[in-house]
Amino acid sequence: MKLLGIECATENCSVALFEQGELLAGTAQVLGRGHAEALIPMIAALPGKGMAARIAVSLGPGSFTGLRVGLAAARALALAWQAELLGYSTHALVAAMARAQSGSQPVSVAMSGGHGEWFLSEFAADGSMLVAPRSLAPQVAALEFQSDLVAGSQAEALVAARGNGRALALLPDARELLLLEPAAFTRAVHLEYGRAPDARLPGGLLP
């Protein structure tokens, strides 16, 4: 059974195709913008144009636009291929990548957010989530997240703000998807933006 992984939550847009627990092919592009233009050609360049019986897509938190692009593509392909659609946490993937490099230990995940804030979460040594992702100002994050190991795009900044710890500057990568435990995947595919949208409806209501 083949699995297509799609990761668009951050500036690192990546896709990967797996079969029987092995990576067949994958690619990643660090983009400022342009996920919508890049994603489908990246999938089409995979063996068999990426066709798979299962599709796993990042649910966030992360970029509003990137997450929506990834989910829209995943849903369309799942419908066209009659594939099973699954979701996973972007932060869980980053934490798994960090543990793969540094061994089983607690890890804080610190990723770029909006309006100068960071997305922060905490994972135990076994990979279970201890603190769900939150959007925090850097100075608050430095006080509240104290795991020695910090991973993510803002890991170095968080360690510098705290004055202690070890940083792994990582971006989520679909090619590392099988580092996640099977329980990390969910059929409840709903995006987790990590903060309220910037847009407001008339009267100040959220969309």
C-alpha atoms as a PDB file:
ATOM      1  CA  MET A   1       0.000   0.000   0.000  1.00  0.00           C
ATOM      2  CA  LYS A   2       1.372   3.401  -0.979  1.00  0.00           C
ATOM      3  CA  LEU A   3       1.211   6.534   1.173  1.00  0.00           C
ATOM      4  CA  LEU A   4       1.495  10.089  -0.146  1.00  0.00           C
ATOM      5  CA  GLY A   5       2.673  12.660   2.391  1.00  0.00           C
ATOM      6  CA  ILE A   6       1.968  16.373   1.968  1.00  0.00           C
ATOM      7  CA  GLU A   7       3.549  19.042   4.187  1.00  0.00           C
ATOM      8  CA  CYS A   8       2.682  22.705   3.508  1.00  0.00           C
ATOM      9  CA  ALA A   9       2.424  24.217   6.985  1.00  0.00           C
ATOM     10  CA  THR A  10       5.643  26.229   6.756  1.00  0.00           C
ATOM     11  CA  GLU A  11       7.923  27.720   4.138  1.00  0.00           C
ATOM     12  CA  ASN A  12       9.233  24.187   3.511  1.00  0.00           C
ATOM     13  CA  CYS A  13       6.781  22.711   1.011  1.00  0.00           C
ATOM     14  CA  SER A  14       7.459  18.976   0.730  1.00  0.00           C
ATOM     15  CA  VAL A  15       5.921  15.779  -0.608  1.00  0.00           C
ATOM     16  CA  ALA A  16       6.904  12.136  -0.314  1.00  0.00           C
ATOM     17  CA  LEU A  17       5.722   8.771  -1.587  1.00  0.00           C
ATOM     18  CA  PHE A  18       6.130   5.647   0.540  1.00  0.00           C
ATOM     19  CA  GLU A  19       5.468   1.972  -0.077  1.00  0.00           C
ATOM     20  CA  GLN A  20       5.628  -0.827   2.480  1.00  0.00           C
ATOM     21  CA  GLY A  21       7.317   1.435   4.992  1.00  0.00           C
ATOM     22  CA  GLU A  22      10.030   2.629   2.601  1.00  0.00           C
ATOM     23  CA  LEU A  23      10.545   6.028   1.000  1.00  0.00           C
ATOM     24  CA  LEU A  24      10.190   5.720  -2.780  1.00  0.00           C
ATOM     25  CA  ALA A  25      10.737   9.375  -3.625  1.00  0.00           C
ATOM     26  CA  GLY A  26      10.275  12.836  -2.208  1.00  0.00           C
ATOM     27  CA  THR A  27      11.195  16.445  -2.651  1.00  0.00           C
ATOM     28  CA  ALA A  28      11.157  19.719  -0.726  1.00  0.00           C
ATOM     29  CA  GLN A  29      11.315  23.392  -1.648  1.00  0.00           C
ATOM     30  CA  VAL A  30      11.779  26.259   0.777  1.00  0.00           C
ATOM     31  CA  LEU A  31       9.303  28.879  -0.457  1.00  0.00           C
ATOM     32  CA  GLY A  32       8.481  32.323   0.771  1.00  0.00           C
ATOM     33  CA  ARG A  33       5.184  32.051  -1.056  1.00  0.00           C
ATOM     34  CA  GLY A  34       3.823  30.008  -3.895  1.00  0.00           C
ATOM     35  CA  HIS A  35       2.697  26.755  -2.285  1.00  0.00           C
ATOM     36  CA  ALA A  36      -0.348  26.675  -4.555  1.00  0.00           C
ATOM     37  CA  GLU A  37       1.809  26.882  -7.677  1.00  0.00           C
ATOM     38  CA  ALA A  38       4.499  24.451  -6.491  1.00  0.00           C
ATOM     39  CA  LEU A  39       2.595  21.662  -4.754  1.00  0.00           C
ATOM     40  CA  ILE A  40       0.772  19.912  -7.609  1.00  0.00           C
ATOM     41  CA  PRO A  41       3.835  19.820  -9.922  1.00  0.00           C
ATOM     42  CA  MET A  42       5.862  18.382  -7.023  1.00  0.00           C
ATOM     43  CA  ILE A  43       3.290  15.606  -6.543  1.00  0.00           C
ATOM     44  CA  ALA A  44       3.063  14.980 -10.290  1.00  0.00           C
ATOM     45  CA  ALA A  45       6.851  14.483 -10.444  1.00  0.00           C
ATOM     46  CA  LEU A  46       6.668  11.548  -8.018  1.00  0.00           C
ATOM     47  CA  PRO A  47       6.568   7.973  -9.361  1.00  0.00           C
ATOM     48  CA  GLY A  48       3.128   7.208 -10.766  1.00  0.00           C
ATOM     49  CA  LYS A  49       2.316  10.914 -10.321  1.00  0.00           C
ATOM     50  CA  GLY A  50       2.126  10.271  -6.575  1.00  0.00           C
ATOM     51  CA  MET A  51      -0.962   8.057  -6.758  1.00  0.00           C
ATOM     52  CA  ALA A  52      -1.503   6.287  -3.444  1.00  0.00           C
ATOM     53  CA  ALA A  53      -4.144   4.450  -1.449  1.00  0.00           C
ATOM     54  CA  ARG A  54      -3.554   6.684   1.566  1.00  0.00           C
ATOM     55  CA  ILE A  55      -2.805  10.409   1.761  1.00  0.00           C
ATOM     56  CA  ALA A  56      -1.461  12.098   4.904  1.00  0.00           C
ATOM     57  CA  VAL A  57      -1.547  15.882   5.110  1.00  0.00           C
ATOM     58  CA  SER A  58      -0.253  18.317   7.717  1.00  0.00           C
ATOM     59  CA  LEU A  59      -2.969  19.856   9.896  1.00  0.00           C
ATOM     60  CA  GLY A  60      -0.818  22.601  11.398  1.00  0.00           C
ATOM     61  CA  PRO A  61      -0.294  24.842  13.142  1.00  0.00           C
ATOM     62  CA  GLY A  62       1.315  27.021  10.533  1.00  0.00           C
ATOM     63  CA  SER A  63       0.646  29.250   7.574  1.00  0.00           C
ATOM     64  CA  PHE A  64      -3.055  29.797   6.904  1.00  0.00           C
ATOM     65  CA  THR A  65      -2.481  29.738   3.150  1.00  0.00           C
ATOM     66  CA  GLY A  66      -0.078  26.807   3.117  1.00  0.00           C
ATOM     67  CA  LEU A  67      -2.318  24.646   5.271  1.00  0.00           C
ATOM     68  CA  ARG A  68      -5.365  25.345   3.130  1.00  0.00           C
ATOM     69  CA  VAL A  69      -3.432  24.621  -0.063  1.00  0.00           C
ATOM     70  CA  GLY A  70      -2.197  21.303   1.301  1.00  0.00           C
ATOM     71  CA  LEU A  71      -5.584  20.184   2.557  1.00  0.00           C
ATOM     72  CA  ALA A  72      -7.398  21.212  -0.633  1.00  0.00           C
ATOM     73  CA  ALA A  73      -4.939  19.200  -2.730  1.00  0.00           C
ATOM     74  CA  ALA A  74      -5.143  16.205  -0.392  1.00  0.00           C
ATOM     75  CA  ARG A  75      -8.939  16.199  -0.425  1.00  0.00           C
ATOM     76  CA  ALA A  76      -9.113  16.496  -4.212  1.00  0.00           C
ATOM     77  CA  LEU A  77      -6.645  13.658  -4.734  1.00  0.00           C
ATOM     78  CA  ALA A  78      -8.336  11.464  -2.136  1.00  0.00           C
ATOM     79  CA  LEU A  79     -11.629  11.925  -3.962  1.00  0.00           C
ATOM     80  CA  ALA A  80     -10.119  11.274  -7.395  1.00  0.00           C
ATOM     81  CA  TRP A  81      -8.150   8.225  -6.266  1.00  0.00           C
ATOM     82  CA  GLN A  82     -10.721   6.978  -3.720  1.00  0.00           C
ATOM     83  CA  ALA A  83      -7.886   7.113  -1.197  1.00  0.00           C
ATOM     84  CA  GLU A  84      -8.014   7.245   2.592  1.00  0.00           C
ATOM     85  CA  LEU A  85      -7.347  10.754   3.908  1.00  0.00           C
ATOM     86  CA  LEU A  86      -5.378  11.194   7.143  1.00  0.00           C
ATOM     87  CA  GLY A  87      -3.972  14.154   9.024  1.00  0.00           C
ATOM     88  CA  TYR A  88      -1.059  14.689  11.378  1.00  0.00           C
ATOM     89  CA  SER A  89       0.365  17.463  13.568  1.00  0.00           C
ATOM     90  CA  THR A  90       3.163  19.542  12.095  1.00  0.00           C
ATOM     91  CA  HIS A  91       4.719  19.887  15.542  1.00  0.00           C
ATOM     92  CA  ALA A  92       4.577  16.139  16.164  1.00  0.00           C
ATOM     93  CA  LEU A  93       6.579  15.625  12.979  1.00  0.00           C
ATOM     94  CA  VAL A  94       9.202  18.196  13.996  1.00  0.00           C
ATOM     95  CA  ALA A  95       9.468  16.591  17.444  1.00  0.00           C
ATOM     96  CA  ALA A  96       9.889  13.149  15.856  1.00  0.00           C
ATOM     97  CA  MET A  97      12.628  14.486  13.583  1.00  0.00           C
ATOM     98  CA  ALA A  98      14.387  15.937  16.631  1.00  0.00           C
ATOM     99  CA  ARG A  99      14.205  12.658  18.548  1.00  0.00           C
ATOM    100  CA  ALA A 100      15.567  10.795  15.523  1.00  0.00           C
ATOM    101  CA  GLN A 101      18.654  13.013  15.675  1.00  0.00           C
ATOM    102  CA  SER A 102      19.078  13.262  19.444  1.00  0.00           C
ATOM    103  CA  GLY A 103      17.517  10.148  20.962  1.00  0.00           C
ATOM    104  CA  SER A 104      14.421   9.739  23.101  1.00  0.00           C
ATOM    105  CA  GLN A 105      14.118  12.815  25.274  1.00  0.00           C
ATOM    106  CA  PRO A 106      11.592  15.594  25.910  1.00  0.00           C
ATOM    107  CA  VAL A 107      11.535  18.282  23.259  1.00  0.00           C
ATOM    108  CA  SER A 108       9.992  21.723  22.925  1.00  0.00           C
ATOM    109  CA  VAL A 109       8.937  22.729  19.417  1.00  0.00           C
ATOM    110  CA  ALA A 110       9.262  26.407  18.494  1.00  0.00           C
ATOM    111  CA  MET A 111       8.055  27.469  15.043  1.00  0.00           C
ATOM    112  CA  SER A 112       7.483  30.833  13.386  1.00  0.00           C
ATOM    113  CA  GLY A 113       3.979  32.205  13.888  1.00  0.00           C
ATOM    114  CA  GLY A 114       2.251  35.428  12.979  1.00  0.00           C
ATOM    115  CA  HIS A 115       2.609  38.993  14.220  1.00  0.00           C
ATOM    116  CA  GLY A 116       5.999  38.303  15.783  1.00  0.00           C
ATOM    117  CA  GLU A 117       4.733  35.389  17.869  1.00  0.00           C
ATOM    118  CA  TRP A 118       5.895  31.767  17.840  1.00  0.00           C
ATOM    119  CA  PHE A 119       3.986  28.488  17.853  1.00  0.00           C
ATOM    120  CA  LEU A 120       5.122  26.476  20.873  1.00  0.00           C
ATOM    121  CA  SER A 121       4.394  22.919  22.012  1.00  0.00           C
ATOM    122  CA  GLU A 122       5.924  20.295  24.270  1.00  0.00           C
ATOM    123  CA  PHE A 123       6.495  16.565  23.726  1.00  0.00           C
ATOM    124  CA  ALA A 124       7.544  13.790  26.099  1.00  0.00           C
ATOM    125  CA  ALA A 125      10.436  11.430  25.413  1.00  0.00           C
ATOM    126  CA  ASP A 126       8.001   8.836  24.033  1.00  0.00           C
ATOM    127  CA  GLY A 127       6.593  11.318  21.518  1.00  0.00           C
ATOM    128  CA  SER A 128       3.310  11.996  23.293  1.00  0.00           C
ATOM    129  CA  MET A 129       2.154  15.605  23.291  1.00  0.00           C
ATOM    130  CA  LEU A 130       2.333  17.230  26.722  1.00  0.00           C
ATOM    131  CA  VAL A 131       1.385  20.784  25.735  1.00  0.00           C
ATOM    132  CA  ALA A 132      -0.677  21.430  22.603  1.00  0.00           C
ATOM    133  CA  PRO A 133       0.571  24.141  20.226  1.00  0.00           C
ATOM    134  CA  ARG A 134       0.028  27.721  21.390  1.00  0.00           C
ATOM    135  CA  SER A 135       0.867  31.076  19.856  1.00  0.00           C
ATOM    136  CA  LEU A 136       3.012  33.077  22.282  1.00  0.00           C
ATOM    137  CA  ALA A 137       5.220  36.145  22.371  1.00  0.00           C
ATOM    138  CA  PRO A 138       8.917  35.159  22.433  1.00  0.00           C
ATOM    139  CA  GLN A 139       9.471  36.497  25.941  1.00  0.00           C
ATOM    140  CA  VAL A 140       6.589  34.417  27.297  1.00  0.00           C
ATOM    141  CA  ALA A 141       7.800  31.322  25.462  1.00  0.00           C
ATOM    142  CA  ALA A 142      11.251  31.721  27.011  1.00  0.00           C
ATOM    143  CA  LEU A 143       9.708  31.535  30.479  1.00  0.00           C
ATOM    144  CA  GLU A 144       7.227  28.728  29.903  1.00  0.00           C
ATOM    145  CA  PHE A 145       9.066  26.185  27.720  1.00  0.00           C
ATOM    146  CA  GLN A 146      12.106  24.750  29.444  1.00  0.00           C
ATOM    147  CA  SER A 147      12.972  21.402  27.806  1.00  0.00           C
ATOM    148  CA  ASP A 148      16.707  21.197  27.219  1.00  0.00           C
ATOM    149  CA  LEU A 149      16.155  20.199  23.582  1.00  0.00           C
ATOM    150  CA  VAL A 150      14.327  22.701  21.373  1.00  0.00           C
ATOM    151  CA  ALA A 151      13.492  22.006  17.714  1.00  0.00           C
ATOM    152  CA  GLY A 152      11.968  24.085  14.936  1.00  0.00           C
ATOM    153  CA  SER A 153      12.491  27.220  12.900  1.00  0.00           C
ATOM    154  CA  GLN A 154      12.689  29.363  16.060  1.00  0.00           C
ATOM    155  CA  ALA A 155      14.660  26.869  18.177  1.00  0.00           C
ATOM    156  CA  GLU A 156      17.883  28.856  18.086  1.00  0.00           C
ATOM    157  CA  ALA A 157      16.062  32.075  18.986  1.00  0.00           C
ATOM    158  CA  LEU A 158      14.290  30.425  21.931  1.00  0.00           C
ATOM    159  CA  VAL A 159      17.499  28.911  23.301  1.00  0.00           C
ATOM    160  CA  ALA A 160      19.210  32.292  22.966  1.00  0.00           C
ATOM    161  CA  ALA A 161      16.340  34.034  24.778  1.00  0.00           C
ATOM    162  CA  ARG A 162      16.487  31.505  27.625  1.00  0.00           C
ATOM    163  CA  GLY A 163      20.257  31.404  27.790  1.00  0.00           C
ATOM    164  CA  ASN A 164      20.323  27.615  28.000  1.00  0.00           C
ATOM    165  CA  GLY A 165      19.452  24.438  26.119  1.00  0.00           C
ATOM    166  CA  ARG A 166      20.275  22.886  22.755  1.00  0.00           C
ATOM    167  CA  ALA A 167      18.674  23.950  19.491  1.00  0.00           C
ATOM    168  CA  LEU A 168      17.911  21.972  16.343  1.00  0.00           C
ATOM    169  CA  ALA A 169      16.882  24.294  13.514  1.00  0.00           C
ATOM    170  CA  LEU A 170      14.368  22.047  11.739  1.00  0.00           C
ATOM    171  CA  LEU A 171      11.527  22.508   9.292  1.00  0.00           C
ATOM    172  CA  PRO A 172       8.882  19.784   8.903  1.00  0.00           C
ATOM    173  CA  ASP A 173       9.622  17.479   5.970  1.00  0.00           C
ATOM    174  CA  ALA A 174       7.183  14.986   4.463  1.00  0.00           C
ATOM    175  CA  ARG A 175      10.093  12.677   3.671  1.00  0.00           C
ATOM    176  CA  GLU A 176      10.423  12.035   7.423  1.00  0.00           C
ATOM    177  CA  LEU A 177       6.758  11.165   7.878  1.00  0.00           C
ATOM    178  CA  LEU A 178       7.333   7.545   8.897  1.00  0.00           C
ATOM    179  CA  LEU A 179       9.138   8.740  12.023  1.00  0.00           C
ATOM    180  CA  LEU A 180       5.635   9.298  13.422  1.00  0.00           C
ATOM    181  CA  GLU A 181       3.922   6.514  15.319  1.00  0.00           C
ATOM    182  CA  PRO A 182       0.733   5.152  13.691  1.00  0.00           C
ATOM    183  CA  ALA A 183      -1.315   6.720  16.504  1.00  0.00           C
ATOM    184  CA  ALA A 184      -0.110  10.175  15.395  1.00  0.00           C
ATOM    185  CA  PHE A 185      -2.317   9.983  12.300  1.00  0.00           C
ATOM    186  CA  THR A 186      -5.996  10.877  12.526  1.00  0.00           C
ATOM    187  CA  ARG A 187      -9.037  10.487  10.309  1.00  0.00           C
ATOM    188  CA  ALA A 188     -10.466  13.672  11.867  1.00  0.00           C
ATOM    189  CA  VAL A 189      -8.925  15.968   9.265  1.00  0.00           C
ATOM    190  CA  HIS A 190      -9.437  19.514  10.551  1.00  0.00           C
ATOM    191  CA  LEU A 191      -6.850  22.268  10.298  1.00  0.00           C
ATOM    192  CA  GLU A 192      -5.294  23.640  13.484  1.00  0.00           C
ATOM    193  CA  TYR A 193      -4.190  27.158  12.636  1.00  0.00           C
ATOM    194  CA  GLY A 194      -2.772  27.837  16.095  1.00  0.00           C
ATOM    195  CA  ARG A 195      -4.261  31.329  16.354  1.00  0.00           C
ATOM    196  CA  ALA A 196      -7.334  33.248  15.259  1.00  0.00           C
ATOM    197  CA  PRO A 197      -7.443  34.411  11.628  1.00  0.00           C
ATOM    198  CA  ASP A 198      -6.459  37.995  10.856  1.00  0.00           C
ATOM    199  CA  ALA A 199      -9.507  38.567   8.661  1.00  0.00           C
ATOM    200  CA  ARG A 200     -12.706  39.880  10.233  1.00  0.00           C
ATOM    201  CA  LEU A 201     -16.267  39.948   8.962  1.00  0.00           C
ATOM    202  CA  PRO A 202     -18.329  43.131   9.194  1.00  0.00           C
ATOM    203  CA  GLY A 203     -18.921  43.890  12.841  1.00  0.00           C
ATOM    204  CA  GLY A 204     -15.597  42.348  13.856  1.00  0.00           C
ATOM    205  CA  LEU A 205     -16.790  38.741  13.779  1.00  0.00           C
ATOM    206  CA  LEU A 206     -14.349  35.953  12.899  1.00  0.00           C
ATOM    207  CA  PRO A 207     -14.958  34.164   9.590  1.00  0.00           C
END
